[in-house]
Amino acid sequence: MKYTQKESAETDLHFMRLALQEARKAGKLGEVPVGAVIVDEQGTVLASSGNRSIVDRNPSGHAEIEALQAAGQTLENYRLPNTTLYVTIEPCVMCAGAIVHARIRRLVFGALDSKAGAVVSRYRIGRDGKLNHQLEIEGGVLAAECGELLTSFFKKKRGRIL
């Protein structure tokens, strides 16, 4: 991945850490601990959220969707060009589709999702050339920490001792 002056490995780490904070907040609410942060070209946080599906009884309450909706309100636009979305896990099909429709420029995610990942693991949404918008994608940022957060959550949920 090539970085511009406004994008660097340190920048990605900083915003992924913010996404991890959102994931931890979601986990404390009993949600699957996934967090998302959307920033503009200047590095201003436009929106951030964790999963809210359980709390809001909303099947589309994934962190990415929640952050996309909030960023749209912030920018007063349903398109979010020249933005970067940071999310702690590879987006699912629903979220990948919404990310493409929002015209996010760059997606940065932490852990791969071998079961439902829609941009690398299972599908190539946003980078397969089949849609009218293509994403720049960077995966694996703080992958171990992002993955461990999810693994710990599901072990506890299933009653296993860590």
C-alpha atoms as a PDB file:
ATOM      1  CA  MET A   1       0.000   0.000   0.000  1.00  0.00           C
ATOM      2  CA  LYS A   2       1.275   3.442  -0.890  1.00  0.00           C
ATOM      3  CA  TYR A   3       0.766   6.260   1.574  1.00  0.00           C
ATOM      4  CA  THR A   4       0.291   9.915   0.751  1.00  0.00           C
ATOM      5  CA  GLN A   5       1.533  12.662   3.039  1.00  0.00           C
ATOM      6  CA  LYS A   6      -1.740  12.474   4.965  1.00  0.00           C
ATOM      7  CA  GLU A   7      -1.656   8.715   5.267  1.00  0.00           C
ATOM      8  CA  SER A   8       1.000   6.798   7.103  1.00  0.00           C
ATOM      9  CA  ALA A   9       1.383   3.639   9.066  1.00  0.00           C
ATOM     10  CA  GLU A  10       1.357   5.707  12.278  1.00  0.00           C
ATOM     11  CA  THR A  11      -1.876   7.405  11.216  1.00  0.00           C
ATOM     12  CA  ASP A  12      -3.460   4.027  10.565  1.00  0.00           C
ATOM     13  CA  LEU A  13      -2.369   2.763  13.976  1.00  0.00           C
ATOM     14  CA  HIS A  14      -3.756   5.854  15.697  1.00  0.00           C
ATOM     15  CA  PHE A  15      -7.209   5.563  14.138  1.00  0.00           C
ATOM     16  CA  MET A  16      -7.345   1.784  14.536  1.00  0.00           C
ATOM     17  CA  ARG A  17      -6.702   2.298  18.244  1.00  0.00           C
ATOM     18  CA  LEU A  18      -9.731   4.619  18.295  1.00  0.00           C
ATOM     19  CA  ALA A  19     -11.757   1.924  16.535  1.00  0.00           C
ATOM     20  CA  LEU A  20     -10.598  -0.566  19.183  1.00  0.00           C
ATOM     21  CA  GLN A  21     -11.864   1.809  21.887  1.00  0.00           C
ATOM     22  CA  GLU A  22     -15.279   1.779  20.198  1.00  0.00           C
ATOM     23  CA  ALA A  23     -15.141  -2.016  19.994  1.00  0.00           C
ATOM     24  CA  ARG A  24     -14.414  -2.286  23.722  1.00  0.00           C
ATOM     25  CA  LYS A  25     -17.353   0.011  24.508  1.00  0.00           C
ATOM     26  CA  ALA A  26     -19.614  -2.191  22.393  1.00  0.00           C
ATOM     27  CA  GLY A  27     -18.333  -5.302  24.158  1.00  0.00           C
ATOM     28  CA  LYS A  28     -19.216  -3.801  27.552  1.00  0.00           C
ATOM     29  CA  LEU A  29     -22.797  -3.440  26.284  1.00  0.00           C
ATOM     30  CA  GLY A  30     -22.891  -7.143  25.401  1.00  0.00           C
ATOM     31  CA  GLU A  31     -22.383  -6.493  21.706  1.00  0.00           C
ATOM     32  CA  VAL A  32     -19.881  -8.296  19.531  1.00  0.00           C
ATOM     33  CA  PRO A  33     -16.858  -6.000  20.039  1.00  0.00           C
ATOM     34  CA  VAL A  34     -16.416  -4.342  16.663  1.00  0.00           C
ATOM     35  CA  GLY A  35     -15.593  -0.659  16.293  1.00  0.00           C
ATOM     36  CA  ALA A  36     -15.409   1.765  13.382  1.00  0.00           C
ATOM     37  CA  VAL A  37     -14.076   5.284  12.840  1.00  0.00           C
ATOM     38  CA  ILE A  38     -14.449   7.488   9.745  1.00  0.00           C
ATOM     39  CA  VAL A  39     -11.988  10.315   9.100  1.00  0.00           C
ATOM     40  CA  ASP A  40     -11.640  12.939   6.386  1.00  0.00           C
ATOM     41  CA  GLU A  41      -8.495  13.811   4.426  1.00  0.00           C
ATOM     42  CA  GLN A  42      -7.288  16.143   7.165  1.00  0.00           C
ATOM     43  CA  GLY A  43      -7.570  13.404   9.778  1.00  0.00           C
ATOM     44  CA  THR A  44     -10.671  14.842  11.427  1.00  0.00           C
ATOM     45  CA  VAL A  45     -12.889  12.181  12.963  1.00  0.00           C
ATOM     46  CA  LEU A  46     -16.313  12.502  11.330  1.00  0.00           C
ATOM     47  CA  ALA A  47     -17.949   9.624  13.186  1.00  0.00           C
ATOM     48  CA  SER A  48     -17.230   6.596  15.318  1.00  0.00           C
ATOM     49  CA  SER A  49     -19.306   3.742  16.636  1.00  0.00           C
ATOM     50  CA  GLY A  50     -19.328   0.217  17.886  1.00  0.00           C
ATOM     51  CA  ASN A  51     -21.801  -2.530  17.090  1.00  0.00           C
ATOM     52  CA  ARG A  52     -25.355  -1.790  18.246  1.00  0.00           C
ATOM     53  CA  SER A  53     -27.372  -4.663  16.757  1.00  0.00           C
ATOM     54  CA  ILE A  54     -28.346  -6.220  20.089  1.00  0.00           C
ATOM     55  CA  VAL A  55     -28.897  -3.006  22.047  1.00  0.00           C
ATOM     56  CA  ASP A  56     -31.003  -1.436  19.286  1.00  0.00           C
ATOM     57  CA  ARG A  57     -32.594  -4.729  18.145  1.00  0.00           C
ATOM     58  CA  ASN A  58     -31.444  -3.828  14.660  1.00  0.00           C
ATOM     59  CA  PRO A  59     -29.874  -6.394  12.323  1.00  0.00           C
ATOM     60  CA  SER A  60     -28.126  -3.603  10.410  1.00  0.00           C
ATOM     61  CA  GLY A  61     -26.607  -2.098  13.563  1.00  0.00           C
ATOM     62  CA  HIS A  62     -23.054  -3.036  12.655  1.00  0.00           C
ATOM     63  CA  ALA A  63     -20.317  -0.575  13.650  1.00  0.00           C
ATOM     64  CA  GLU A  64     -19.612   0.326  10.019  1.00  0.00           C
ATOM     65  CA  ILE A  65     -23.263   1.111   9.237  1.00  0.00           C
ATOM     66  CA  GLU A  66     -23.656   3.153  12.420  1.00  0.00           C
ATOM     67  CA  ALA A  67     -20.512   5.151  11.597  1.00  0.00           C
ATOM     68  CA  LEU A  68     -21.568   5.657   7.954  1.00  0.00           C
ATOM     69  CA  GLN A  69     -24.933   7.030   9.057  1.00  0.00           C
ATOM     70  CA  ALA A  70     -23.346   9.382  11.587  1.00  0.00           C
ATOM     71  CA  ALA A  71     -20.721  10.609   9.101  1.00  0.00           C
ATOM     72  CA  GLY A  72     -23.481  11.277   6.560  1.00  0.00           C
ATOM     73  CA  GLN A  73     -25.209  13.452   9.133  1.00  0.00           C
ATOM     74  CA  THR A  74     -21.958  15.232   9.957  1.00  0.00           C
ATOM     75  CA  LEU A  75     -21.233  15.995   6.293  1.00  0.00           C
ATOM     76  CA  GLU A  76     -24.915  16.447   5.415  1.00  0.00           C
ATOM     77  CA  ASN A  77     -24.379  14.101   2.482  1.00  0.00           C
ATOM     78  CA  TYR A  78     -25.057  10.452   1.738  1.00  0.00           C
ATOM     79  CA  ARG A  79     -21.749  10.276  -0.114  1.00  0.00           C
ATOM     80  CA  LEU A  80     -18.530  10.263   1.884  1.00  0.00           C
ATOM     81  CA  PRO A  81     -15.820  10.824  -0.739  1.00  0.00           C
ATOM     82  CA  ASN A  82     -12.205  11.289   0.279  1.00  0.00           C
ATOM     83  CA  THR A  83     -12.770   9.575   3.616  1.00  0.00           C
ATOM     84  CA  THR A  84     -11.162   6.590   5.272  1.00  0.00           C
ATOM     85  CA  LEU A  85     -13.068   4.024   7.302  1.00  0.00           C
ATOM     86  CA  TYR A  86     -11.178   2.160  10.027  1.00  0.00           C
ATOM     87  CA  VAL A  87     -12.851  -0.983  11.350  1.00  0.00           C
ATOM     88  CA  THR A  88     -11.546  -3.671  13.676  1.00  0.00           C
ATOM     89  CA  ILE A  89     -12.669  -6.600  11.518  1.00  0.00           C
ATOM     90  CA  GLU A  90     -13.037  -7.181   7.804  1.00  0.00           C
ATOM     91  CA  PRO A  91     -16.507  -5.954   6.787  1.00  0.00           C
ATOM     92  CA  CYS A  92     -19.352  -8.335   5.961  1.00  0.00           C
ATOM     93  CA  VAL A  93     -21.335  -8.264   2.693  1.00  0.00           C
ATOM     94  CA  MET A  94     -23.894  -5.776   4.042  1.00  0.00           C
ATOM     95  CA  CYS A  95     -21.260  -3.381   5.310  1.00  0.00           C
ATOM     96  CA  ALA A  96     -19.025  -3.714   2.251  1.00  0.00           C
ATOM     97  CA  GLY A  97     -21.982  -2.826   0.038  1.00  0.00           C
ATOM     98  CA  ALA A  98     -22.805   0.223   2.154  1.00  0.00           C
ATOM     99  CA  ILE A  99     -19.150   1.296   2.122  1.00  0.00           C
ATOM    100  CA  VAL A 100     -19.111   1.164  -1.685  1.00  0.00           C
ATOM    101  CA  HIS A 101     -22.408   3.050  -1.973  1.00  0.00           C
ATOM    102  CA  ALA A 102     -21.125   5.742   0.402  1.00  0.00           C
ATOM    103  CA  ARG A 103     -18.067   6.167  -1.857  1.00  0.00           C
ATOM    104  CA  ILE A 104     -15.569   5.710   0.954  1.00  0.00           C
ATOM    105  CA  ARG A 105     -12.143   6.147  -0.648  1.00  0.00           C
ATOM    106  CA  ARG A 106     -10.113   3.924   1.660  1.00  0.00           C
ATOM    107  CA  LEU A 107     -10.932   1.042   3.968  1.00  0.00           C
ATOM    108  CA  VAL A 108      -8.516  -0.015   6.697  1.00  0.00           C
ATOM    109  CA  PHE A 109      -9.402  -3.061   8.773  1.00  0.00           C
ATOM    110  CA  GLY A 110      -7.811  -5.068  11.539  1.00  0.00           C
ATOM    111  CA  ALA A 111      -8.583  -8.788  11.681  1.00  0.00           C
ATOM    112  CA  LEU A 112      -9.629 -10.955   8.771  1.00  0.00           C
ATOM    113  CA  ASP A 113     -13.049 -12.600   8.991  1.00  0.00           C
ATOM    114  CA  SER A 114     -12.689 -16.022   7.400  1.00  0.00           C
ATOM    115  CA  LYS A 115     -16.406 -16.791   7.775  1.00  0.00           C
ATOM    116  CA  ALA A 116     -18.064 -13.568   6.617  1.00  0.00           C
ATOM    117  CA  GLY A 117     -15.364 -11.220   5.339  1.00  0.00           C
ATOM    118  CA  ALA A 118     -16.487  -9.590   2.113  1.00  0.00           C
ATOM    119  CA  VAL A 119     -13.470  -7.599   0.912  1.00  0.00           C
ATOM    120  CA  VAL A 120     -10.665 -10.179   1.140  1.00  0.00           C
ATOM    121  CA  SER A 121     -11.621 -13.485   2.771  1.00  0.00           C
ATOM    122  CA  ARG A 122     -14.831 -14.582   1.037  1.00  0.00           C
ATOM    123  CA  TYR A 123     -15.520 -11.944  -1.592  1.00  0.00           C
ATOM    124  CA  ARG A 124     -13.731  -8.995  -3.171  1.00  0.00           C
ATOM    125  CA  ILE A 125     -16.467  -6.379  -2.893  1.00  0.00           C
ATOM    126  CA  GLY A 126     -15.117  -2.958  -3.707  1.00  0.00           C
ATOM    127  CA  ARG A 127     -12.043  -4.200  -5.496  1.00  0.00           C
ATOM    128  CA  ASP A 128     -13.179  -6.798  -7.998  1.00  0.00           C
ATOM    129  CA  GLY A 129     -13.972  -4.297 -10.767  1.00  0.00           C
ATOM    130  CA  LYS A 130     -17.631  -5.332 -10.871  1.00  0.00           C
ATOM    131  CA  LEU A 131     -19.050  -2.222  -9.191  1.00  0.00           C
ATOM    132  CA  ASN A 132     -18.949   1.421 -10.144  1.00  0.00           C
ATOM    133  CA  HIS A 133     -16.720   2.369  -7.195  1.00  0.00           C
ATOM    134  CA  GLN A 134     -13.459   0.779  -6.126  1.00  0.00           C
ATOM    135  CA  LEU A 135     -11.908   0.948  -2.674  1.00  0.00           C
ATOM    136  CA  GLU A 136      -8.343   1.253  -1.571  1.00  0.00           C
ATOM    137  CA  ILE A 137      -8.020  -1.499   1.029  1.00  0.00           C
ATOM    138  CA  GLU A 138      -5.444  -2.036   3.741  1.00  0.00           C
ATOM    139  CA  GLY A 139      -5.903  -5.020   6.024  1.00  0.00           C
ATOM    140  CA  GLY A 140      -4.116  -6.391   9.043  1.00  0.00           C
ATOM    141  CA  VAL A 141      -3.643  -3.163  11.018  1.00  0.00           C
ATOM    142  CA  LEU A 142      -3.391  -4.237  14.670  1.00  0.00           C
ATOM    143  CA  ALA A 143      -4.837  -7.560  13.506  1.00  0.00           C
ATOM    144  CA  ALA A 144      -3.673  -9.542  16.529  1.00  0.00           C
ATOM    145  CA  GLU A 145      -5.210  -7.099  19.012  1.00  0.00           C
ATOM    146  CA  CYS A 146      -8.441  -6.826  17.020  1.00  0.00           C
ATOM    147  CA  GLY A 147      -8.686 -10.597  16.662  1.00  0.00           C
ATOM    148  CA  GLU A 148      -7.928 -11.256  20.328  1.00  0.00           C
ATOM    149  CA  LEU A 149     -10.712  -8.905  21.390  1.00  0.00           C
ATOM    150  CA  LEU A 150     -13.200 -10.952  19.373  1.00  0.00           C
ATOM    151  CA  THR A 151     -11.766 -14.324  20.413  1.00  0.00           C
ATOM    152  CA  SER A 152     -11.908 -13.376  24.108  1.00  0.00           C
ATOM    153  CA  PHE A 153     -15.474 -12.143  23.757  1.00  0.00           C
ATOM    154  CA  PHE A 154     -16.699 -15.382  22.183  1.00  0.00           C
ATOM    155  CA  LYS A 155     -14.781 -17.585  24.638  1.00  0.00           C
ATOM    156  CA  LYS A 156     -16.428 -15.759  27.547  1.00  0.00           C
ATOM    157  CA  LYS A 157     -19.810 -15.883  25.855  1.00  0.00           C
ATOM    158  CA  ARG A 158     -19.510 -19.645  25.422  1.00  0.00           C
ATOM    159  CA  GLY A 159     -18.458 -20.051  29.042  1.00  0.00           C
ATOM    160  CA  ARG A 160     -14.878 -21.044  28.435  1.00  0.00           C
ATOM    161  CA  ILE A 161     -12.235 -20.004  30.914  1.00  0.00           C
ATOM    162  CA  LEU A 162      -9.437 -17.976  29.376  1.00  0.00           C
END
